[in-house]
PDB file of all heavy atoms in Angstrom:
ATOM      1  N   TYR A   1      -3.381   8.088   4.536  1.00  0.00           N
ATOM      2  CA  TYR A   1      -3.427   7.601   5.915  1.00  0.00           C
ATOM      3  C   TYR A   1      -3.727   8.744   6.855  1.00  0.00           C
ATOM      4  O   TYR A   1      -4.299   8.570   7.911  1.00  0.00           O
ATOM      5  CB  TYR A   1      -2.096   6.943   6.312  1.00  0.00           C
ATOM      6  CG  TYR A   1      -2.033   5.504   5.899  1.00  0.00           C
ATOM      7  CD1 TYR A   1      -1.027   5.041   5.081  1.00  0.00           C
ATOM      8  CD2 TYR A   1      -2.995   4.597   6.313  1.00  0.00           C
ATOM      9  CE1 TYR A   1      -0.971   3.725   4.679  1.00  0.00           C
ATOM     10  CE2 TYR A   1      -2.955   3.279   5.916  1.00  0.00           C
ATOM     11  CZ  TYR A   1      -1.945   2.853   5.104  1.00  0.00           C
ATOM     12  OH  TYR A   1      -1.902   1.556   4.715  1.00  0.00           O
ATOM     13  N   GLY A   2      -3.340   9.924   6.432  1.00  0.00           N
ATOM     14  CA  GLY A   2      -3.626  11.087   7.255  1.00  0.00           C
ATOM     15  C   GLY A   2      -2.657  11.169   8.408  1.00  0.00           C
ATOM     16  O   GLY A   2      -2.064  10.184   8.826  1.00  0.00           O
ATOM     17  N   TYR A   3      -2.510  12.302   8.934  1.00  0.00           N
ATOM     18  CA  TYR A   3      -1.555  12.495  10.005  1.00  0.00           C
ATOM     19  C   TYR A   3      -2.241  12.411  11.351  1.00  0.00           C
ATOM     20  O   TYR A   3      -1.638  12.669  12.383  1.00  0.00           O
ATOM     21  CB  TYR A   3      -0.760  13.771   9.747  1.00  0.00           C
ATOM     22  CG  TYR A   3       0.073  13.542   8.488  1.00  0.00           C
ATOM     23  CD1 TYR A   3      -0.512  13.569   7.230  1.00  0.00           C
ATOM     24  CD2 TYR A   3       1.376  13.158   8.542  1.00  0.00           C
ATOM     25  CE1 TYR A   3       0.209  13.250   6.085  1.00  0.00           C
ATOM     26  CE2 TYR A   3       2.113  12.858   7.401  1.00  0.00           C
ATOM     27  CZ  TYR A   3       1.515  12.908   6.186  1.00  0.00           C
ATOM     28  OH  TYR A   3       2.228  12.593   5.046  1.00  0.00           O
ATOM     29  N   GLY A   4      -3.522  12.010  11.334  1.00  0.00           N
ATOM     30  CA  GLY A   4      -4.188  11.572  12.567  1.00  0.00           C
ATOM     31  C   GLY A   4      -3.714  10.167  12.903  1.00  0.00           C
ATOM     32  O   GLY A   4      -3.393   9.856  14.051  1.00  0.00           O
ATOM     33  N   LEU A   5      -3.674   9.280  11.888  1.00  0.00           N
ATOM     34  CA  LEU A   5      -3.001   7.986  12.033  1.00  0.00           C
ATOM     35  C   LEU A   5      -1.508   8.248  11.840  1.00  0.00           C
ATOM     36  O   LEU A   5      -0.896   7.827  10.882  1.00  0.00           O
ATOM     37  CB  LEU A   5      -3.501   7.003  10.970  1.00  0.00           C
ATOM     38  CG  LEU A   5      -4.932   6.480  11.115  1.00  0.00           C
ATOM     39  CD1 LEU A   5      -5.335   5.711   9.870  1.00  0.00           C
ATOM     40  CD2 LEU A   5      -5.030   5.579  12.324  1.00  0.00           C
ATOM     41  N   PHE A   6      -0.902   8.971  12.783  1.00  0.00           N
ATOM     42  CA  PHE A   6       0.368   9.614  12.461  1.00  0.00           C
ATOM     43  C   PHE A   6       1.519   8.640  12.270  1.00  0.00           C
ATOM     44  O   PHE A   6       2.407   8.907  11.470  1.00  0.00           O
ATOM     45  CB  PHE A   6       0.718  10.702  13.480  1.00  0.00           C
ATOM     46  CG  PHE A   6       0.951  10.210  14.880  1.00  0.00           C
ATOM     47  CD1 PHE A   6       2.213   9.926  15.313  1.00  0.00           C
ATOM     48  CD2 PHE A   6      -0.101  10.072  15.766  1.00  0.00           C
ATOM     49  CE1 PHE A   6       2.438   9.487  16.601  1.00  0.00           C
ATOM     50  CE2 PHE A   6       0.121   9.628  17.059  1.00  0.00           C
ATOM     51  CZ  PHE A   6       1.390   9.326  17.478  1.00  0.00           C
ATOM     52  N   THR A   7       1.543   7.524  13.003  1.00  0.00           N
ATOM     53  CA  THR A   7       2.646   6.596  12.782  1.00  0.00           C
ATOM     54  C   THR A   7       2.593   6.076  11.347  1.00  0.00           C
ATOM     55  O   THR A   7       3.610   5.974  10.668  1.00  0.00           O
ATOM     56  CB  THR A   7       2.613   5.437  13.791  1.00  0.00           C
ATOM     57  OG1 THR A   7       2.780   5.965  15.110  1.00  0.00           O
ATOM     58  CG2 THR A   7       3.735   4.438  13.518  1.00  0.00           C
ATOM     59  N   GLY A   8       1.387   5.764  10.887  1.00  0.00           N
ATOM     60  CA  GLY A   8       1.232   5.331   9.503  1.00  0.00           C
ATOM     61  C   GLY A   8       1.560   6.430   8.514  1.00  0.00           C
ATOM     62  O   GLY A   8       2.341   6.245   7.580  1.00  0.00           O
ATOM     63  N   GLY A   9       0.973   7.606   8.724  1.00  0.00           N
ATOM     64  CA  GLY A   9       1.167   8.718   7.800  1.00  0.00           C
ATOM     65  C   GLY A   9       2.620   9.143   7.691  1.00  0.00           C
ATOM     66  O   GLY A   9       3.151   9.342   6.589  1.00  0.00           O
ATOM     67  N   LEU A  10       3.295   9.261   8.842  1.00  0.00           N
ATOM     68  CA  LEU A  10       4.689   9.705   8.840  1.00  0.00           C
ATOM     69  C   LEU A  10       5.620   8.611   8.302  1.00  0.00           C
ATOM     70  O   LEU A  10       6.612   8.909   7.635  1.00  0.00           O
ATOM     71  CB  LEU A  10       5.115  10.110  10.252  1.00  0.00           C
ATOM     72  CG  LEU A  10       4.485  11.416  10.768  1.00  0.00           C
ATOM     73  CD1 LEU A  10       4.757  11.592  12.242  1.00  0.00           C
ATOM     74  CD2 LEU A  10       5.013  12.609   9.987  1.00  0.00           C
ATOM     75  N   GLY A  11       5.311   7.354   8.608  1.00  0.00           N
ATOM     76  CA  GLY A  11       6.122   6.252   8.083  1.00  0.00           C
ATOM     77  C   GLY A  11       6.076   6.203   6.569  1.00  0.00           C
ATOM     78  O   GLY A  11       7.116   6.102   5.896  1.00  0.00           O
ATOM     79  N   ILE A  12       4.877   6.278   6.012  1.00  0.00           N
ATOM     80  CA  ILE A  12       4.729   6.292   4.557  1.00  0.00           C
ATOM     81  C   ILE A  12       5.420   7.513   3.967  1.00  0.00           C
ATOM     82  O   ILE A  12       6.094   7.434   2.935  1.00  0.00           O
ATOM     83  CB  ILE A  12       3.242   6.262   4.164  1.00  0.00           C
ATOM     84  CG1 ILE A  12       2.594   4.944   4.595  1.00  0.00           C
ATOM     85  CG2 ILE A  12       3.082   6.489   2.664  1.00  0.00           C
ATOM     86  CD1 ILE A  12       3.121   3.703   3.929  1.00  0.00           C
ATOM     87  N   HIS A  13       5.269   8.650   4.624  1.00  0.00           N
ATOM     88  CA  HIS A  13       5.852   9.908   4.144  1.00  0.00           C
ATOM     89  C   HIS A  13       7.361   9.760   3.918  1.00  0.00           C
ATOM     90  O   HIS A  13       7.872  10.074   2.840  1.00  0.00           O
ATOM     91  CB  HIS A  13       5.569  11.005   5.184  1.00  0.00           C
ATOM     92  CG  HIS A  13       5.878  12.379   4.728  1.00  0.00           C
ATOM     93  ND1 HIS A  13       4.904  13.323   4.492  1.00  0.00           N
ATOM     94  CD2 HIS A  13       7.057  12.990   4.457  1.00  0.00           C
ATOM     95  CE1 HIS A  13       5.476  14.442   4.088  1.00  0.00           C
ATOM     96  NE2 HIS A  13       6.780  14.263   4.068  1.00  0.00           N
ATOM     97  N   ALA A  14       8.058   9.249   4.924  1.00  0.00           N
ATOM     98  CA  ALA A  14       9.513   9.135   4.825  1.00  0.00           C
ATOM     99  C   ALA A  14       9.923   8.106   3.767  1.00  0.00           C
ATOM    100  O   ALA A  14      10.871   8.314   3.007  1.00  0.00           O
ATOM    101  CB  ALA A  14      10.093   8.752   6.188  1.00  0.00           C
ATOM    102  N   GLY A  15       9.208   6.974   3.720  1.00  0.00           N
ATOM    103  CA  GLY A  15       9.532   5.942   2.741  1.00  0.00           C
ATOM    104  C   GLY A  15       9.287   6.395   1.314  1.00  0.00           C
ATOM    105  O   GLY A  15      10.055   6.079   0.396  1.00  0.00           O
ATOM    106  N   ALA A  16       8.211   7.163   1.120  1.00  0.00           N
ATOM    107  CA  ALA A  16       7.896   7.679  -0.215  1.00  0.00           C
ATOM    108  C   ALA A  16       8.994   8.630  -0.689  1.00  0.00           C
ATOM    109  O   ALA A  16       9.410   8.602  -1.856  1.00  0.00           O
ATOM    110  CB  ALA A  16       6.541   8.382  -0.195  1.00  0.00           C
ATOM    111  N   GLU A  17       9.463   9.476   0.230  1.00  0.00           N
ATOM    112  CA  GLU A  17      10.541  10.392  -0.139  1.00  0.00           C
ATOM    113  C   GLU A  17      11.817   9.629  -0.474  1.00  0.00           C
ATOM    114  O   GLU A  17      12.533   9.969  -1.412  1.00  0.00           O
ATOM    115  CB  GLU A  17      10.783  11.386   0.996  1.00  0.00           C
ATOM    116  CG  GLU A  17       9.645  12.400   1.134  1.00  0.00           C
ATOM    117  CD  GLU A  17       9.877  13.435   2.205  1.00  0.00           C
ATOM    118  OE1 GLU A  17      10.773  13.230   3.059  1.00  0.00           O
ATOM    119  OE2 GLU A  17       9.146  14.458   2.220  1.00  0.00           O
ATOM    120  N   LYS A  18      12.097   8.568   0.291  1.00  0.00           N
ATOM    121  CA  LYS A  18      13.309   7.784   0.048  1.00  0.00           C
ATOM    122  C   LYS A  18      13.253   7.079  -1.311  1.00  0.00           C
ATOM    123  O   LYS A  18      14.281   6.955  -1.988  1.00  0.00           O
ATOM    124  CB  LYS A  18      13.522   6.767   1.163  1.00  0.00           C
ATOM    125  CG  LYS A  18      14.843   6.032   1.071  1.00  0.00           C
ATOM    126  CD  LYS A  18      15.453   5.819   2.433  1.00  0.00           C
ATOM    127  CE  LYS A  18      16.904   5.428   2.378  1.00  0.00           C
ATOM    128  NZ  LYS A  18      17.585   5.543   3.655  1.00  0.00           N
ATOM    129  N   LEU A  19      12.075   6.608  -1.716  1.00  0.00           N
ATOM    130  CA  LEU A  19      11.936   5.931  -3.004  1.00  0.00           C
ATOM    131  C   LEU A  19      11.956   6.920  -4.163  1.00  0.00           C
ATOM    132  O   LEU A  19      12.177   6.525  -5.307  1.00  0.00           O
ATOM    133  CB  LEU A  19      10.639   5.103  -3.023  1.00  0.00           C
ATOM    134  CG  LEU A  19      10.402   4.203  -4.227  1.00  0.00           C
ATOM    135  CD1 LEU A  19      11.526   3.177  -4.393  1.00  0.00           C
ATOM    136  CD2 LEU A  19       9.049   3.496  -4.121  1.00  0.00           C
ATOM    137  N   GLY A  20      11.757   8.192  -3.861  1.00  0.00           N
ATOM    138  CA  GLY A  20      11.746   9.206  -4.912  1.00  0.00           C
ATOM    139  C   GLY A  20      10.390   9.425  -5.538  1.00  0.00           C
ATOM    140  O   GLY A  20      10.284   9.813  -6.706  1.00  0.00           O
ATOM    141  N   LEU A  21       9.330   9.185  -4.754  1.00  0.00           N
ATOM    142  CA  LEU A  21       7.981   9.446  -5.234  1.00  0.00           C
ATOM    143  C   LEU A  21       7.638  10.917  -5.055  1.00  0.00           C
ATOM    144  O   LEU A  21       8.204  11.608  -4.204  1.00  0.00           O
ATOM    145  CB  LEU A  21       6.964   8.591  -4.458  1.00  0.00           C
ATOM    146  CG  LEU A  21       7.192   7.081  -4.414  1.00  0.00           C
ATOM    147  CD1 LEU A  21       6.067   6.405  -3.634  1.00  0.00           C
ATOM    148  CD2 LEU A  21       7.314   6.494  -5.810  1.00  0.00           C
ATOM    149  N   THR A  22       6.693  11.385  -5.848  1.00  0.00           N
ATOM    150  CA  THR A  22       6.069  12.676  -5.594  1.00  0.00           C
ATOM    151  C   THR A  22       4.903  12.401  -4.655  1.00  0.00           C
ATOM    152  O   THR A  22       3.986  11.670  -5.004  1.00  0.00           O
ATOM    153  CB  THR A  22       5.555  13.312  -6.887  1.00  0.00           C
ATOM    154  OG1 THR A  22       6.650  13.477  -7.807  1.00  0.00           O
ATOM    155  CG2 THR A  22       4.905  14.663  -6.605  1.00  0.00           C
ATOM    156  N   GLN A  23       4.953  12.989  -3.477  1.00  0.00           N
ATOM    157  CA  GLN A  23       3.982  12.623  -2.461  1.00  0.00           C
ATOM    158  C   GLN A  23       3.003  13.749  -2.179  1.00  0.00           C
ATOM    159  O   GLN A  23       3.396  14.903  -2.076  1.00  0.00           O
ATOM    160  CB  GLN A  23       4.694  12.242  -1.166  1.00  0.00           C
ATOM    161  CG  GLN A  23       3.738  11.806  -0.066  1.00  0.00           C
ATOM    162  CD  GLN A  23       4.480  11.426   1.180  1.00  0.00           C
ATOM    163  OE1 GLN A  23       3.930  10.814   2.072  1.00  0.00           O
ATOM    164  NE2 GLN A  23       5.766  11.759   1.258  1.00  0.00           N
ATOM    165  N   VAL A  24       1.733  13.394  -2.080  1.00  0.00           N
ATOM    166  CA  VAL A  24       0.688  14.335  -1.697  1.00  0.00           C
ATOM    167  C   VAL A  24       0.143  13.905  -0.336  1.00  0.00           C
ATOM    168  O   VAL A  24      -0.661  12.972  -0.245  1.00  0.00           O
ATOM    169  CB  VAL A  24      -0.451  14.367  -2.734  1.00  0.00           C
ATOM    170  CG1 VAL A  24      -1.498  15.397  -2.335  1.00  0.00           C
ATOM    171  CG2 VAL A  24       0.092  14.655  -4.129  1.00  0.00           C
ATOM    172  N   PRO A  25       0.597  14.521   0.759  1.00  0.00           N
ATOM    173  CA  PRO A  25       0.074  14.152   2.080  1.00  0.00           C
ATOM    174  C   PRO A  25      -1.305  14.762   2.295  1.00  0.00           C
ATOM    175  O   PRO A  25      -1.528  15.938   1.983  1.00  0.00           O
ATOM    176  CB  PRO A  25       1.103  14.745   3.048  1.00  0.00           C
ATOM    177  CG  PRO A  25       1.820  15.784   2.293  1.00  0.00           C
ATOM    178  CD  PRO A  25       1.628  15.568   0.838  1.00  0.00           C
ATOM    179  N   VAL A  26      -2.228  13.969   2.792  1.00  0.00           N
ATOM    180  CA  VAL A  26      -3.605  14.425   2.952  1.00  0.00           C
ATOM    181  C   VAL A  26      -4.104  14.033   4.338  1.00  0.00           C
ATOM    182  O   VAL A  26      -3.896  12.898   4.771  1.00  0.00           O
ATOM    183  CB  VAL A  26      -4.523  13.798   1.888  1.00  0.00           C
ATOM    184  CG1 VAL A  26      -5.934  14.341   2.023  1.00  0.00           C
ATOM    185  CG2 VAL A  26      -3.995  14.087   0.492  1.00  0.00           C
ATOM    186  N   SER A  27      -4.757  14.942   5.043  1.00  0.00           N
ATOM    187  CA  SER A  27      -5.359  14.625   6.334  1.00  0.00           C
ATOM    188  C   SER A  27      -6.594  13.760   6.139  1.00  0.00           C
ATOM    189  O   SER A  27      -7.133  13.652   5.031  1.00  0.00           O
ATOM    190  CB  SER A  27      -5.721  15.900   7.086  1.00  0.00           C
ATOM    191  OG  SER A  27      -4.588  16.658   7.341  1.00  0.00           O
ATOM    192  N   GLY A  28      -7.047  13.140   7.226  1.00  0.00           N
ATOM    193  CA  GLY A  28      -8.247  12.311   7.146  1.00  0.00           C
ATOM    194  C   GLY A  28      -9.491  13.140   6.864  1.00  0.00           C
ATOM    195  O   GLY A  28      -9.544  14.350   7.109  1.00  0.00           O
ATOM    196  N   GLY A  29     -10.496  12.492   6.303  1.00  0.00           N
ATOM    197  CA  GLY A  29     -11.748  13.180   5.987  1.00  0.00           C
ATOM    198  C   GLY A  29     -11.628  14.020   4.723  1.00  0.00           C
ATOM    199  O   GLY A  29     -10.791  13.767   3.856  1.00  0.00           O
ATOM    200  N   MET A  30     -12.495  14.989   4.613  1.00  0.00           N
ATOM    201  CA  MET A  30     -12.552  15.877   3.434  1.00  0.00           C
ATOM    202  C   MET A  30     -12.556  15.060   2.135  1.00  0.00           C
ATOM    203  O   MET A  30     -11.820  15.322   1.186  1.00  0.00           O
ATOM    204  CB  MET A  30     -11.382  16.878   3.425  1.00  0.00           C
ATOM    205  CG  MET A  30     -11.313  17.761   4.634  1.00  0.00           C
ATOM    206  SD  MET A  30      -9.951  18.947   4.557  1.00  0.00           S
ATOM    207  CE  MET A  30      -8.543  17.837   4.735  1.00  0.00           C
ATOM    208  N   THR A  31     -13.426  14.053   2.098  1.00  0.00           N
ATOM    209  CA  THR A  31     -13.406  13.082   1.006  1.00  0.00           C
ATOM    210  C   THR A  31     -13.625  13.715  -0.367  1.00  0.00           C
ATOM    211  O   THR A  31     -12.941  13.350  -1.332  1.00  0.00           O
ATOM    212  CB  THR A  31     -14.433  11.966   1.269  1.00  0.00           C
ATOM    213  OG1 THR A  31     -14.275  11.515   2.628  1.00  0.00           O
ATOM    214  CG2 THR A  31     -14.202  10.774   0.340  1.00  0.00           C
ATOM    215  N   PRO A  32     -14.538  14.688  -0.535  1.00  0.00           N
ATOM    216  CA  PRO A  32     -14.681  15.311  -1.865  1.00  0.00           C
ATOM    217  C   PRO A  32     -13.369  15.931  -2.362  1.00  0.00           C
ATOM    218  O   PRO A  32     -13.022  15.808  -3.545  1.00  0.00           O
ATOM    219  CB  PRO A  32     -15.760  16.374  -1.648  1.00  0.00           C
ATOM    220  CG  PRO A  32     -16.552  15.873  -0.468  1.00  0.00           C
ATOM    221  CD  PRO A  32     -15.551  15.207   0.413  1.00  0.00           C
ATOM    222  N   ARG A  33     -12.642  16.571  -1.436  1.00  0.00           N
ATOM    223  CA  ARG A  33     -11.360  17.169  -1.809  1.00  0.00           C
ATOM    224  C   ARG A  33     -10.352  16.087  -2.203  1.00  0.00           C
ATOM    225  O   ARG A  33      -9.566  16.263  -3.133  1.00  0.00           O
ATOM    226  CB  ARG A  33     -10.828  17.999  -0.642  1.00  0.00           C
ATOM    227  CG  ARG A  33      -9.472  18.642  -0.884  1.00  0.00           C
ATOM    228  CD  ARG A  33      -9.124  19.570   0.275  1.00  0.00           C
ATOM    229  NE  ARG A  33      -7.759  20.087   0.186  1.00  0.00           N
ATOM    230  CZ  ARG A  33      -6.706  19.508   0.719  1.00  0.00           C
ATOM    231  NH1 ARG A  33      -6.850  18.392   1.418  1.00  0.00           N
ATOM    232  NH2 ARG A  33      -5.501  20.036   0.579  1.00  0.00           N
ATOM    233  N   GLN A  34     -10.378  14.960  -1.508  1.00  0.00           N
ATOM    234  CA  GLN A  34      -9.439  13.884  -1.827  1.00  0.00           C
ATOM    235  C   GLN A  34      -9.652  13.381  -3.249  1.00  0.00           C
ATOM    236  O   GLN A  34      -8.687  13.170  -3.999  1.00  0.00           O
ATOM    237  CB  GLN A  34      -9.590  12.729  -0.835  1.00  0.00           C
ATOM    238  CG  GLN A  34      -9.292  13.130   0.606  1.00  0.00           C
ATOM    239  CD  GLN A  34      -8.466  12.134   1.356  1.00  0.00           C
ATOM    240  OE1 GLN A  34      -7.732  11.361   0.789  1.00  0.00           O
ATOM    241  NE2 GLN A  34      -8.533  12.174   2.670  1.00  0.00           N
ATOM    242  N   VAL A  35     -10.904  13.180  -3.621  1.00  0.00           N
ATOM    243  CA  VAL A  35     -11.198  12.719  -4.976  1.00  0.00           C
ATOM    244  C   VAL A  35     -10.698  13.731  -6.001  1.00  0.00           C
ATOM    245  O   VAL A  35     -10.103  13.374  -7.017  1.00  0.00           O
ATOM    246  CB  VAL A  35     -12.708  12.435  -5.144  1.00  0.00           C
ATOM    247  CG1 VAL A  35     -13.050  12.185  -6.615  1.00  0.00           C
ATOM    248  CG2 VAL A  35     -13.112  11.232  -4.289  1.00  0.00           C
ATOM    249  N   ARG A  36     -10.935  15.010  -5.717  1.00  0.00           N
ATOM    250  CA  ARG A  36     -10.478  16.041  -6.650  1.00  0.00           C
ATOM    251  C   ARG A  36      -8.953  15.989  -6.825  1.00  0.00           C
ATOM    252  O   ARG A  36      -8.445  16.081  -7.950  1.00  0.00           O
ATOM    253  CB  ARG A  36     -10.899  17.425  -6.167  1.00  0.00           C
ATOM    254  CG  ARG A  36     -10.369  18.528  -7.077  1.00  0.00           C
ATOM    255  CD  ARG A  36     -10.912  19.888  -6.779  1.00  0.00           C
ATOM    256  NE  ARG A  36     -10.384  20.831  -7.775  1.00  0.00           N
ATOM    257  CZ  ARG A  36     -10.746  22.090  -7.855  1.00  0.00           C
ATOM    258  NH1 ARG A  36     -11.641  22.590  -7.001  1.00  0.00           N
ATOM    259  NH2 ARG A  36     -10.213  22.871  -8.796  1.00  0.00           N
ATOM    260  N   LEU A  37      -8.232  15.841  -5.705  1.00  0.00           N
ATOM    261  CA  LEU A  37      -6.772  15.827  -5.791  1.00  0.00           C
ATOM    262  C   LEU A  37      -6.271  14.584  -6.531  1.00  0.00           C
ATOM    263  O   LEU A  37      -5.324  14.662  -7.309  1.00  0.00           O
ATOM    264  CB  LEU A  37      -6.153  15.896  -4.391  1.00  0.00           C
ATOM    265  CG  LEU A  37      -6.396  17.189  -3.605  1.00  0.00           C
ATOM    266  CD1 LEU A  37      -5.641  17.155  -2.275  1.00  0.00           C
ATOM    267  CD2 LEU A  37      -5.993  18.415  -4.408  1.00  0.00           C
ATOM    268  N   ILE A  38      -6.891  13.432  -6.280  1.00  0.00           N
ATOM    269  CA  ILE A  38      -6.507  12.210  -7.001  1.00  0.00           C
ATOM    270  C   ILE A  38      -6.657  12.428  -8.498  1.00  0.00           C
ATOM    271  O   ILE A  38      -5.776  12.091  -9.292  1.00  0.00           O
ATOM    272  CB  ILE A  38      -7.351  11.008  -6.530  1.00  0.00           C
ATOM    273  CG1 ILE A  38      -7.005  10.625  -5.087  1.00  0.00           C
ATOM    274  CG2 ILE A  38      -7.134   9.801  -7.457  1.00  0.00           C
ATOM    275  CD1 ILE A  38      -7.992   9.659  -4.449  1.00  0.00           C
ATOM    276  N   GLU A  39      -7.782  13.004  -8.890  1.00  0.00           N
ATOM    277  CA  GLU A  39      -8.066  13.204 -10.311  1.00  0.00           C
ATOM    278  C   GLU A  39      -7.205  14.316 -10.918  1.00  0.00           C
ATOM    279  O   GLU A  39      -6.629  14.151 -11.989  1.00  0.00           O
ATOM    280  CB  GLU A  39      -9.559  13.518 -10.501  1.00  0.00           C
ATOM    281  CG  GLU A  39     -10.464  12.313 -10.288  1.00  0.00           C
ATOM    282  CD  GLU A  39     -10.267  11.245 -11.356  1.00  0.00           C
ATOM    283  OE1 GLU A  39     -10.162  11.607 -12.558  1.00  0.00           O
ATOM    284  OE2 GLU A  39     -10.186  10.052 -11.009  1.00  0.00           O
TER     285      GLU A  39
END
């Protein structure tokens, strides 16, 4: 969601931590880098 869409990004961030997920926060754009990190 990126922290440009900050209400979305921060909301997901806190919920993911509460559920006990390993979270990778990523800013918007930089699509080639996003694919690399997913893989």
